[in-house]
Amino acid sequence: MRLDRYLRQSFSTESLSALFAVIRKKKVRVNGVVAKAPLILNEGDLVAIYENLKEDNSTSAPKTGWGNNNTYCDPLFFKNHFQIALETEDFVIVEKPSGIDSQPGSGTRPKETLVDMLWQWGLNEKHDFKPTLVHRLDRETSGLLIAAIQGDVLRGLTKLIREHKINKYYYALVQGHLEKTKGTIKTNLERSDSPQGAKMKTSESKGKESITHYIVYRRFESMDLVKIKLETGRMHQIRAHFASINHPLAGDSRYGDYAWNRELRKEYGLNRLFLHSFKLEFEWNNQKYNVESKLPKELDQIVRTLSKKSIKIED
């Protein structure tokens, strides 16, 4: 049995964060040697814990680095929107709802971003490092995001992102039927700024190379549900790429078809961008992670309705 699972079984009343904290602080030894969470225990191993695991209900000031702030996020907002998909001693994978910004910025509501929720969670769990996002999603996009809970882990995971070693998969509903049921969109994307906001446009010579792989997962009467794998991670990459081949995403107010979006709102109740980060695959500390997220209820309901008009996908 893995060490972290053994501790969770032995100290079932403790929070997962508390158990990971004692491992992270090197306060757990197996047979006299400092141990990490993935260590496999064998019969007869001696596990020694140099920490009082009695729950701490003190109201003392936060640890160094948190300042004197006891609230980073509105409590009700946190309760309604913060969801953890996976927690380890090094990082946490969370599910970002659509309509919530990844981080604070101009135009964001105070204490109502994913970073605010992560910091509130970190404070509640008494982490000594503010959880930090490794990558981001657009405000309208929902799905999985990784946040590091140690400084060296942040550097390591950021390196994996730069080297394209974290595979990111998305579901998107696009207008019309793609000519090929499997393909790759490969064009440069160049950022342009305007009073209406930043936007990416395709370019033959300027911008950065951007690569999007896709496969048609379901085909409906006038649209395709596609599975997407990103090879690069540019701003608005999926939205700009599919718009560039005349198959914009459903509900996309920036790159999409206004009239079509209006029809989707009226007929199916789609009031958001149909883009969801549903899977992350990567390897960390010799362990493979494959974390998946279901379609949010509002998107799943649309797929169920559209399924009544499914069309067989031809090879």
Protein backbone atom coordinates (compact mmCIF):
# COMPACT_ATOMS: atom_id res chain seq x y z
CA MET A 1 0.00 0.00 0.00
CA ARG A 2 1.21 3.54 -0.77
CA LEU A 3 2.30 5.57 2.24
CA ASP A 4 -0.25 8.35 1.66
CA ARG A 5 -3.10 5.84 1.40
CA TYR A 6 -1.94 4.09 4.55
CA LEU A 7 -1.98 7.38 6.44
CA ARG A 8 -5.44 8.25 5.11
CA GLN A 9 -6.70 4.87 6.30
CA SER A 10 -5.02 5.12 9.69
CA PHE A 11 -6.01 8.74 10.38
CA SER A 12 -9.44 8.89 8.78
CA THR A 13 -10.55 11.93 10.79
CA GLU A 14 -7.67 14.09 9.57
CA SER A 15 -7.91 16.25 6.47
CA LEU A 16 -6.01 15.10 3.42
CA SER A 17 -4.07 18.37 3.41
CA ALA A 18 -2.90 17.80 6.99
CA LEU A 19 -1.53 14.38 6.10
CA PHE A 20 0.22 15.66 3.00
CA ALA A 21 1.67 18.51 5.06
CA VAL A 22 3.49 16.19 7.47
CA ILE A 23 4.88 14.23 4.51
CA ARG A 24 5.95 17.42 2.76
CA LYS A 25 7.68 18.71 5.92
CA LYS A 26 9.67 15.43 6.06
CA LYS A 27 8.06 14.45 9.35
CA VAL A 28 7.26 10.89 8.24
CA ARG A 29 9.95 8.21 8.22
CA VAL A 30 9.75 4.61 7.15
CA ASN A 31 12.34 2.35 8.75
CA GLY A 32 14.23 5.47 9.83
CA VAL A 33 14.35 7.08 6.36
CA VAL A 34 12.38 10.19 5.34
CA ALA A 35 9.59 8.99 3.05
CA LYS A 36 7.43 10.46 0.28
CA ALA A 37 3.78 9.79 -0.49
CA PRO A 38 4.24 7.25 -3.36
CA LEU A 39 6.47 4.94 -1.28
CA ILE A 40 5.07 1.39 -1.23
CA LEU A 41 4.90 -0.05 2.29
CA ASN A 42 5.61 -3.71 2.97
CA GLU A 43 4.57 -5.90 5.88
CA GLY A 44 6.78 -5.20 8.87
CA ASP A 45 7.78 -1.65 7.88
CA LEU A 46 7.96 0.82 10.76
CA VAL A 47 6.19 4.11 10.05
CA ALA A 48 7.17 6.93 12.42
CA ILE A 49 5.35 10.28 12.44
CA TYR A 50 7.08 13.21 14.11
CA GLU A 51 4.02 15.44 14.37
CA ASN A 52 0.95 15.74 16.56
CA LEU A 53 -1.91 14.96 14.19
CA LYS A 54 -4.57 16.14 16.61
CA GLU A 55 -6.70 18.62 14.69
CA ASP A 56 -5.63 22.22 15.26
CA ASN A 57 -8.63 24.43 16.02
CA SER A 58 -6.57 27.45 17.04
CA THR A 59 -7.36 30.91 15.73
CA SER A 60 -3.74 32.03 15.60
CA ALA A 61 -2.47 34.26 12.83
CA PRO A 62 -1.78 32.70 9.42
CA LYS A 63 1.70 31.43 8.60
CA THR A 64 4.40 33.64 7.17
CA GLY A 65 3.61 34.54 3.56
CA TRP A 66 -0.14 34.86 4.07
CA GLY A 67 0.04 38.22 5.82
CA ASN A 68 -2.83 39.07 8.13
CA ASN A 69 -5.56 38.35 5.61
CA ASN A 70 -8.05 35.82 6.93
CA THR A 71 -10.35 35.98 3.92
CA TYR A 72 -9.39 35.80 0.26
CA CYS A 73 -12.74 34.70 -1.13
CA ASP A 74 -16.39 35.27 -0.34
CA PRO A 75 -17.42 32.22 1.77
CA LEU A 76 -20.65 31.49 -0.13
CA PHE A 77 -18.92 31.92 -3.50
CA PHE A 78 -16.18 29.52 -2.33
CA LYS A 79 -18.70 26.94 -1.15
CA ASN A 80 -20.69 27.04 -4.38
CA HIS A 81 -17.84 27.04 -6.89
CA PHE A 82 -14.67 25.47 -5.51
CA GLN A 83 -14.27 21.82 -6.46
CA ILE A 84 -11.19 19.60 -6.22
CA ALA A 85 -10.71 16.77 -8.73
CA LEU A 86 -7.43 15.47 -7.25
CA GLU A 87 -5.24 16.46 -4.32
CA THR A 88 -1.65 15.29 -3.79
CA GLU A 89 1.17 16.47 -1.55
CA ASP A 90 2.64 18.47 -4.45
CA PHE A 91 -0.31 19.86 -6.38
CA VAL A 92 -4.07 20.05 -6.58
CA ILE A 93 -6.23 19.73 -9.70
CA VAL A 94 -9.41 21.81 -9.57
CA GLU A 95 -12.49 22.20 -11.75
CA LYS A 96 -13.04 25.76 -12.94
CA PRO A 97 -16.66 26.64 -13.72
CA SER A 98 -17.51 28.66 -16.81
CA GLY A 99 -17.96 32.38 -16.16
CA ILE A 100 -15.22 32.59 -13.53
CA ASP A 101 -11.85 34.16 -14.29
CA SER A 102 -8.73 32.13 -13.62
CA GLN A 103 -6.99 35.06 -11.93
CA PRO A 104 -7.73 38.64 -10.81
CA GLY A 105 -7.44 41.42 -13.37
CA SER A 106 -9.24 44.40 -14.82
CA GLY A 107 -12.95 43.72 -14.94
CA THR A 108 -12.94 40.80 -12.49
CA ARG A 109 -15.11 40.84 -9.39
CA PRO A 110 -13.15 41.14 -6.12
CA LYS A 111 -12.64 37.81 -4.32
CA GLU A 112 -14.45 35.86 -7.04
CA THR A 113 -11.70 34.33 -9.21
CA LEU A 114 -10.19 30.86 -9.15
CA VAL A 115 -6.98 32.22 -7.63
CA ASP A 116 -9.00 33.80 -4.81
CA MET A 117 -10.65 30.43 -4.14
CA LEU A 118 -7.31 28.61 -4.25
CA TRP A 119 -5.77 31.04 -1.77
CA GLN A 120 -8.76 30.69 0.53
CA TRP A 121 -8.44 26.91 0.36
CA GLY A 122 -4.69 27.12 1.01
CA LEU A 123 -5.30 29.36 4.00
CA ASN A 124 -8.04 27.08 5.35
CA GLU A 125 -5.78 24.03 5.01
CA LYS A 126 -2.79 25.90 6.53
CA HIS A 127 -0.46 25.42 3.60
CA ASP A 128 2.78 27.37 3.91
CA PHE A 129 2.79 28.18 0.15
CA LYS A 130 0.04 30.00 -1.70
CA PRO A 131 -1.40 27.59 -4.31
CA THR A 132 -0.35 28.85 -7.74
CA LEU A 133 -1.88 27.99 -11.11
CA VAL A 134 0.43 26.21 -13.54
CA HIS A 135 -1.75 27.09 -16.56
CA ARG A 136 -5.02 28.92 -17.21
CA LEU A 137 -8.36 28.73 -18.97
CA ASP A 138 -10.43 31.48 -20.59
CA ARG A 139 -13.21 32.92 -18.46
CA GLU A 140 -15.90 31.20 -20.52
CA THR A 141 -14.12 27.82 -20.57
CA SER A 142 -14.71 25.22 -17.86
CA GLY A 143 -12.64 22.28 -16.74
CA LEU A 144 -9.43 21.05 -15.17
CA LEU A 145 -6.53 23.20 -14.01
CA ILE A 146 -3.40 22.34 -12.03
CA ALA A 147 -2.18 24.42 -9.09
CA ALA A 148 1.16 23.79 -7.35
CA ILE A 149 1.31 23.87 -3.55
CA GLN A 150 5.11 23.98 -3.30
CA GLY A 151 7.60 26.35 -4.90
CA ASP A 152 9.86 23.69 -6.41
CA VAL A 153 6.78 21.85 -7.71
CA LEU A 154 5.60 25.03 -9.43
CA ARG A 155 8.92 25.31 -11.24
CA GLY A 156 8.84 21.64 -12.23
CA LEU A 157 5.27 21.63 -13.51
CA THR A 158 5.80 24.90 -15.39
CA LYS A 159 8.76 23.23 -17.10
CA LEU A 160 6.51 20.33 -18.14
CA ILE A 161 4.04 22.82 -19.64
CA ARG A 162 6.81 24.55 -21.61
CA GLU A 163 8.06 21.21 -22.91
CA HIS A 164 4.49 20.15 -23.89
CA LYS A 165 4.63 17.16 -21.53
CA ILE A 166 1.22 17.81 -19.98
CA ASN A 167 -1.44 16.59 -22.40
CA LYS A 168 -4.60 18.69 -22.32
CA TYR A 169 -7.85 17.47 -23.86
CA TYR A 170 -11.07 19.39 -24.54
CA TYR A 171 -14.64 18.88 -25.72
CA ALA A 172 -16.02 21.52 -28.09
CA LEU A 173 -19.23 21.84 -30.06
CA VAL A 174 -18.59 23.40 -33.47
CA GLN A 175 -20.82 24.76 -36.20
CA GLY A 176 -21.37 22.56 -39.26
CA HIS A 177 -19.68 19.30 -40.20
CA LEU A 178 -15.90 19.14 -40.43
CA GLU A 179 -14.65 17.89 -43.79
CA LYS A 180 -12.30 15.42 -42.12
CA THR A 181 -13.34 13.45 -39.04
CA LYS A 182 -9.75 13.54 -37.79
CA GLY A 183 -7.17 16.21 -38.41
CA THR A 184 -4.75 18.91 -37.28
CA ILE A 185 -5.05 22.68 -37.51
CA LYS A 186 -1.60 24.23 -37.76
CA THR A 187 -1.31 27.99 -38.20
CA ASN A 188 0.49 30.87 -36.57
CA LEU A 189 -1.55 32.95 -34.15
CA GLU A 190 -0.89 36.64 -33.64
CA ARG A 191 -2.37 38.68 -30.80
CA SER A 192 -4.14 41.95 -31.52
CA ASP A 193 -5.44 44.32 -28.84
CA SER A 194 -8.45 46.62 -29.08
CA PRO A 195 -10.85 48.43 -26.74
CA GLN A 196 -13.11 45.37 -27.04
CA GLY A 197 -10.34 43.10 -25.70
CA ALA A 198 -7.47 40.95 -26.94
CA LYS A 199 -8.05 38.64 -29.86
CA MET A 200 -5.96 36.12 -31.79
CA LYS A 201 -5.81 36.04 -35.56
CA THR A 202 -4.18 33.59 -37.93
CA SER A 203 -1.07 34.68 -39.78
CA GLU A 204 1.26 33.06 -42.29
CA SER A 205 4.39 34.89 -41.16
CA LYS A 206 3.72 36.60 -37.83
CA GLY A 207 2.80 35.32 -34.39
CA LYS A 208 3.60 31.94 -32.85
CA GLU A 209 3.19 28.49 -34.30
CA SER A 210 0.03 26.88 -32.91
CA ILE A 211 -1.07 23.25 -33.30
CA THR A 212 -4.48 21.76 -32.49
CA HIS A 213 -5.38 18.11 -33.05
CA TYR A 214 -9.01 17.01 -33.21
CA ILE A 215 -11.30 14.05 -33.83
CA VAL A 216 -15.05 14.19 -34.42
CA TYR A 217 -16.58 12.39 -31.44
CA ARG A 218 -20.29 12.82 -32.22
CA ARG A 219 -22.02 14.18 -35.30
CA PHE A 220 -25.40 15.88 -35.06
CA GLU A 221 -27.75 17.40 -37.62
CA SER A 222 -25.87 20.67 -38.10
CA MET A 223 -22.89 20.51 -35.76
CA ASP A 224 -20.04 18.30 -34.54
CA LEU A 225 -18.91 17.46 -31.01
CA VAL A 226 -15.12 17.20 -31.22
CA LYS A 227 -12.40 15.95 -28.91
CA ILE A 228 -9.36 18.18 -29.01
CA LYS A 229 -5.76 17.70 -27.95
CA LEU A 230 -3.59 20.79 -27.71
CA GLU A 231 0.04 20.55 -28.77
CA THR A 232 0.64 24.23 -28.02
CA GLY A 233 -1.24 26.43 -25.58
CA ARG A 234 -1.78 29.89 -27.05
CA MET A 235 -4.43 32.30 -25.85
CA HIS A 236 -7.85 31.47 -27.40
CA GLN A 237 -6.11 28.84 -29.53
CA ILE A 238 -9.03 26.43 -29.95
CA ARG A 239 -11.55 29.21 -30.54
CA ALA A 240 -9.37 31.03 -33.09
CA HIS A 241 -8.34 27.86 -34.92
CA PHE A 242 -11.84 26.51 -35.49
CA ALA A 243 -13.15 29.95 -36.43
CA SER A 244 -10.35 30.20 -39.01
CA ILE A 245 -11.68 27.09 -40.82
CA ASN A 246 -15.28 28.36 -40.66
CA HIS A 247 -16.38 26.04 -37.84
CA PRO A 248 -16.67 28.39 -34.85
CA LEU A 249 -17.48 27.10 -31.38
CA ALA A 250 -21.02 27.19 -30.08
CA GLY A 251 -21.62 30.09 -27.72
CA ASP A 252 -18.41 31.91 -28.69
CA SER A 253 -19.19 35.63 -28.48
CA ARG A 254 -15.76 36.73 -29.71
CA TYR A 255 -14.97 34.42 -32.63
CA GLY A 256 -18.34 32.82 -33.28
CA ASP A 257 -21.48 33.28 -35.35
CA TYR A 258 -23.78 35.75 -33.58
CA ALA A 259 -26.98 34.59 -35.30
CA TRP A 260 -26.22 30.92 -34.68
CA ASN A 261 -25.44 31.59 -31.02
CA ARG A 262 -28.77 33.35 -30.66
CA GLU A 263 -30.55 30.30 -32.11
CA LEU A 264 -28.68 28.01 -29.70
CA ARG A 265 -29.73 30.15 -26.74
CA LYS A 266 -33.35 30.10 -27.86
CA GLU A 267 -33.61 26.41 -28.80
CA TYR A 268 -31.20 24.73 -26.36
CA GLY A 269 -30.65 27.28 -23.60
CA LEU A 270 -26.92 27.54 -24.31
CA ASN A 271 -25.76 30.65 -22.45
CA ARG A 272 -22.02 29.95 -22.38
CA LEU A 273 -19.11 28.84 -24.55
CA PHE A 274 -19.24 25.12 -25.32
CA LEU A 275 -15.62 24.36 -24.46
CA HIS A 276 -14.61 22.09 -21.58
CA SER A 277 -11.17 20.87 -20.49
CA PHE A 278 -12.05 17.27 -19.69
CA LYS A 279 -8.72 15.45 -19.28
CA LEU A 280 -5.13 16.02 -18.16
CA GLU A 281 -2.37 13.45 -18.68
CA PHE A 282 1.18 13.80 -17.36
CA GLU A 283 3.92 12.13 -15.36
CA TRP A 284 5.23 13.55 -12.10
CA ASN A 285 7.84 11.96 -9.83
CA ASN A 286 7.68 8.70 -11.81
CA GLN A 287 3.92 8.45 -11.39
CA LYS A 288 1.46 8.77 -14.25
CA TYR A 289 -1.65 10.89 -13.75
CA ASN A 290 -4.78 10.68 -15.88
CA VAL A 291 -7.49 12.94 -14.46
CA GLU A 292 -10.87 13.34 -16.14
CA SER A 293 -13.84 15.66 -15.68
CA LYS A 294 -17.41 15.09 -16.80
CA LEU A 295 -19.21 17.61 -18.96
CA PRO A 296 -20.99 20.21 -16.81
CA LYS A 297 -24.71 19.58 -16.49
CA GLU A 298 -25.70 22.43 -18.81
CA LEU A 299 -23.48 21.09 -21.62
CA ASP A 300 -24.35 17.45 -21.01
CA GLN A 301 -28.05 18.25 -21.31
CA ILE A 302 -27.48 19.88 -24.70
CA VAL A 303 -25.57 16.81 -25.94
CA ARG A 304 -28.41 14.57 -24.75
CA THR A 305 -30.94 16.67 -26.63
CA LEU A 306 -28.83 16.78 -29.78
CA SER A 307 -28.26 13.00 -29.60
CA LYS A 308 -31.85 12.51 -30.74
CA LYS A 309 -30.62 13.78 -34.12
CA SER A 310 -27.27 11.95 -34.26
CA ILE A 311 -25.68 11.15 -37.62
CA LYS A 312 -23.40 8.17 -38.18
CA ILE A 313 -19.77 9.21 -38.59
CA GLU A 314 -18.32 7.90 -41.86
CA ASP A 315 -14.64 7.00 -41.97
